């Protein structure tokens, strides 16, 4: 089996995906902990890893979050 990309490209791709996931999940964590937790008493704060896991699960289940106008 011949690789079409060199290994350094694959490593950079994986690192870029992790950076992108962090860039998306960190603001979600801040919004959850800053807005929802104080408003609803039964909710607990989320860590970054928990928020990252939620985004991964949404991606695996192919859930599309859309806003209807």
N, C-alpha and C. Protein backbone atom coordinates (compact mmCIF):
# COMPACT_ATOMS: atom_id res chain seq x y z
N UNK A 1 0.85 -1.17 0.00
CA UNK A 1 0.00 0.00 0.00
C UNK A 1 0.89 1.24 0.00
N UNK A 2 0.69 2.11 -0.94
CA UNK A 2 1.50 3.31 -1.07
C UNK A 2 0.76 4.50 -0.46
N UNK A 3 1.47 5.25 0.37
CA UNK A 3 0.89 6.46 0.96
C UNK A 3 0.89 7.58 -0.08
N UNK A 4 -0.21 8.30 -0.15
CA UNK A 4 -0.27 9.41 -1.10
C UNK A 4 0.27 10.70 -0.48
N UNK A 5 0.36 10.75 0.85
CA UNK A 5 0.90 11.92 1.54
C UNK A 5 2.03 11.45 2.44
N UNK A 6 3.00 12.32 2.63
CA UNK A 6 4.08 11.95 3.54
C UNK A 6 3.58 12.04 4.99
N UNK A 7 4.24 11.36 5.90
CA UNK A 7 3.78 11.32 7.30
C UNK A 7 3.71 12.69 7.97
N UNK A 8 4.58 13.63 7.59
CA UNK A 8 4.53 14.95 8.22
C UNK A 8 3.23 15.68 7.87
N UNK A 9 2.71 15.46 6.67
CA UNK A 9 1.43 16.05 6.28
C UNK A 9 0.31 15.51 7.16
N UNK A 10 0.32 14.22 7.41
CA UNK A 10 -0.72 13.59 8.23
C UNK A 10 -0.67 14.10 9.66
N UNK A 11 0.54 14.24 10.21
CA UNK A 11 0.68 14.76 11.57
C UNK A 11 0.19 16.20 11.65
N UNK A 12 0.55 17.02 10.66
CA UNK A 12 0.09 18.42 10.65
C UNK A 12 -1.43 18.49 10.52
N UNK A 13 -2.01 17.60 9.72
CA UNK A 13 -3.47 17.58 9.57
C UNK A 13 -4.15 17.27 10.90
N UNK A 14 -3.64 16.30 11.61
CA UNK A 14 -4.22 15.92 12.91
C UNK A 14 -4.08 17.08 13.90
N UNK A 15 -2.91 17.72 13.94
CA UNK A 15 -2.72 18.86 14.84
C UNK A 15 -3.64 20.02 14.50
N UNK A 16 -3.86 20.26 13.23
CA UNK A 16 -4.78 21.32 12.83
C UNK A 16 -6.22 21.00 13.22
N UNK A 17 -6.61 19.75 13.13
CA UNK A 17 -7.95 19.35 13.53
C UNK A 17 -8.16 19.54 15.04
N UNK A 18 -7.15 19.19 15.83
CA UNK A 18 -7.24 19.38 17.28
C UNK A 18 -7.32 20.87 17.60
N UNK A 19 -6.53 21.69 16.92
CA UNK A 19 -6.58 23.14 17.15
C UNK A 19 -7.94 23.71 16.76
N UNK A 20 -8.50 23.24 15.67
CA UNK A 20 -9.82 23.70 15.25
C UNK A 20 -10.89 23.29 16.26
N UNK A 21 -10.83 22.07 16.75
CA UNK A 21 -11.79 21.63 17.75
C UNK A 21 -11.67 22.45 19.03
N UNK A 22 -10.44 22.78 19.43
CA UNK A 22 -10.26 23.62 20.61
C UNK A 22 -10.86 25.00 20.37
N UNK A 23 -10.63 25.55 19.18
CA UNK A 23 -11.14 26.88 18.85
C UNK A 23 -12.66 26.91 18.86
N UNK A 24 -13.30 25.80 18.56
CA UNK A 24 -14.76 25.74 18.55
C UNK A 24 -15.31 25.40 19.93
N UNK A 25 -14.67 24.47 20.63
CA UNK A 25 -15.24 24.01 21.90
C UNK A 25 -14.99 24.97 23.07
N UNK A 26 -13.91 25.72 23.05
CA UNK A 26 -13.62 26.63 24.17
C UNK A 26 -14.68 27.72 24.31
N UNK A 27 -15.09 28.41 23.23
CA UNK A 27 -16.17 29.41 23.38
C UNK A 27 -17.49 28.79 23.83
N UNK A 28 -17.77 27.57 23.38
CA UNK A 28 -19.00 26.89 23.83
C UNK A 28 -18.93 26.64 25.33
N UNK A 29 -17.76 26.22 25.82
CA UNK A 29 -17.59 25.99 27.25
C UNK A 29 -17.78 27.29 28.03
N UNK A 30 -17.22 28.40 27.52
CA UNK A 30 -17.37 29.68 28.21
C UNK A 30 -18.83 30.13 28.25
N UNK A 31 -19.54 29.95 27.14
CA UNK A 31 -20.96 30.32 27.12
C UNK A 31 -21.78 29.46 28.08
N UNK A 32 -21.53 28.16 28.08
CA UNK A 32 -22.25 27.25 28.97
C UNK A 32 -22.01 27.64 30.42
N UNK A 33 -20.74 27.78 30.79
CA UNK A 33 -20.41 28.07 32.20
C UNK A 33 -20.77 29.49 32.60
N UNK A 34 -20.72 30.43 31.66
CA UNK A 34 -20.98 31.82 32.00
C UNK A 34 -22.44 32.22 31.96
N UNK A 35 -23.25 31.54 31.13
CA UNK A 35 -24.65 31.95 30.95
C UNK A 35 -25.65 30.95 31.51
N UNK A 36 -25.47 29.68 31.17
CA UNK A 36 -26.49 28.70 31.57
C UNK A 36 -26.37 28.25 33.02
N UNK A 37 -25.15 28.06 33.49
CA UNK A 37 -24.99 27.56 34.86
C UNK A 37 -25.56 28.53 35.89
N UNK A 38 -25.31 29.85 35.80
CA UNK A 38 -25.93 30.76 36.77
C UNK A 38 -27.45 30.85 36.64
N UNK A 39 -27.99 30.64 35.43
CA UNK A 39 -29.42 30.79 35.21
C UNK A 39 -30.21 29.56 35.66
N UNK A 40 -29.65 28.39 35.49
CA UNK A 40 -30.35 27.14 35.84
C UNK A 40 -29.55 26.45 36.94
N UNK A 41 -30.14 26.35 38.11
CA UNK A 41 -29.40 25.90 39.29
C UNK A 41 -28.97 24.44 39.24
N UNK A 42 -29.66 23.58 38.50
CA UNK A 42 -29.33 22.16 38.51
C UNK A 42 -28.18 21.81 37.56
N UNK A 43 -27.74 22.74 36.72
CA UNK A 43 -26.65 22.48 35.78
C UNK A 43 -25.31 22.62 36.48
N UNK A 44 -24.35 21.82 36.04
CA UNK A 44 -22.99 21.93 36.56
C UNK A 44 -22.08 22.46 35.46
N UNK A 45 -20.94 22.98 35.87
CA UNK A 45 -20.00 23.52 34.90
C UNK A 45 -19.36 22.40 34.09
N UNK A 46 -19.01 22.72 32.84
CA UNK A 46 -18.35 21.77 31.96
C UNK A 46 -16.87 22.13 31.85
N UNK A 47 -16.04 21.10 31.78
CA UNK A 47 -14.63 21.34 31.49
C UNK A 47 -14.45 21.38 29.98
N UNK A 48 -13.24 21.78 29.55
CA UNK A 48 -12.99 21.83 28.11
C UNK A 48 -13.08 20.44 27.50
N UNK A 49 -12.58 19.44 28.21
CA UNK A 49 -12.60 18.07 27.69
C UNK A 49 -14.03 17.55 27.54
N UNK A 50 -14.91 17.89 28.47
CA UNK A 50 -16.31 17.48 28.35
C UNK A 50 -16.97 18.16 27.15
N UNK A 51 -16.67 19.45 26.94
CA UNK A 51 -17.23 20.16 25.80
C UNK A 51 -16.70 19.58 24.49
N UNK A 52 -15.41 19.25 24.46
CA UNK A 52 -14.81 18.62 23.29
C UNK A 52 -15.49 17.28 23.00
N UNK A 53 -15.77 16.50 24.03
CA UNK A 53 -16.44 15.21 23.86
C UNK A 53 -17.85 15.36 23.32
N UNK A 54 -18.56 16.38 23.78
CA UNK A 54 -19.92 16.63 23.27
C UNK A 54 -19.87 16.96 21.78
N UNK A 55 -18.91 17.79 21.37
CA UNK A 55 -18.78 18.12 19.95
C UNK A 55 -18.42 16.90 19.11
N UNK A 56 -17.56 16.04 19.65
CA UNK A 56 -17.20 14.82 18.92
C UNK A 56 -18.42 13.92 18.78
N UNK A 57 -19.19 13.76 19.86
CA UNK A 57 -20.39 12.92 19.78
C UNK A 57 -21.40 13.49 18.80
N UNK A 58 -21.58 14.81 18.78
CA UNK A 58 -22.48 15.42 17.81
C UNK A 58 -22.00 15.15 16.39
N UNK A 59 -20.71 15.19 16.18
CA UNK A 59 -20.16 14.90 14.87
C UNK A 59 -20.36 13.44 14.48
N UNK A 60 -20.21 12.53 15.45
CA UNK A 60 -20.39 11.11 15.16
C UNK A 60 -21.84 10.79 14.83
N UNK A 61 -22.74 11.44 15.51
CA UNK A 61 -24.16 11.22 15.24
C UNK A 61 -24.66 12.06 14.08
N UNK A 62 -23.76 12.89 13.53
CA UNK A 62 -24.06 13.74 12.39
C UNK A 62 -25.25 14.65 12.66
N UNK A 63 -25.25 15.25 13.83
CA UNK A 63 -26.30 16.16 14.23
C UNK A 63 -26.00 17.53 13.65
N UNK A 64 -26.95 18.11 12.97
CA UNK A 64 -26.78 19.43 12.40
C UNK A 64 -27.62 20.41 13.23
N UNK A 65 -26.95 21.40 13.77
CA UNK A 65 -27.61 22.43 14.56
C UNK A 65 -27.84 23.61 13.63
N UNK A 66 -29.11 23.90 13.34
CA UNK A 66 -29.43 25.00 12.43
C UNK A 66 -30.42 25.94 13.10
N UNK A 67 -30.41 27.16 12.65
CA UNK A 67 -31.35 28.16 13.12
C UNK A 67 -32.23 28.56 11.96
N UNK A 68 -33.52 28.35 12.13
CA UNK A 68 -34.49 28.70 11.08
C UNK A 68 -34.79 30.18 11.17
N UNK A 69 -34.85 30.84 10.02
CA UNK A 69 -35.20 32.27 10.00
C UNK A 69 -36.64 32.45 9.62
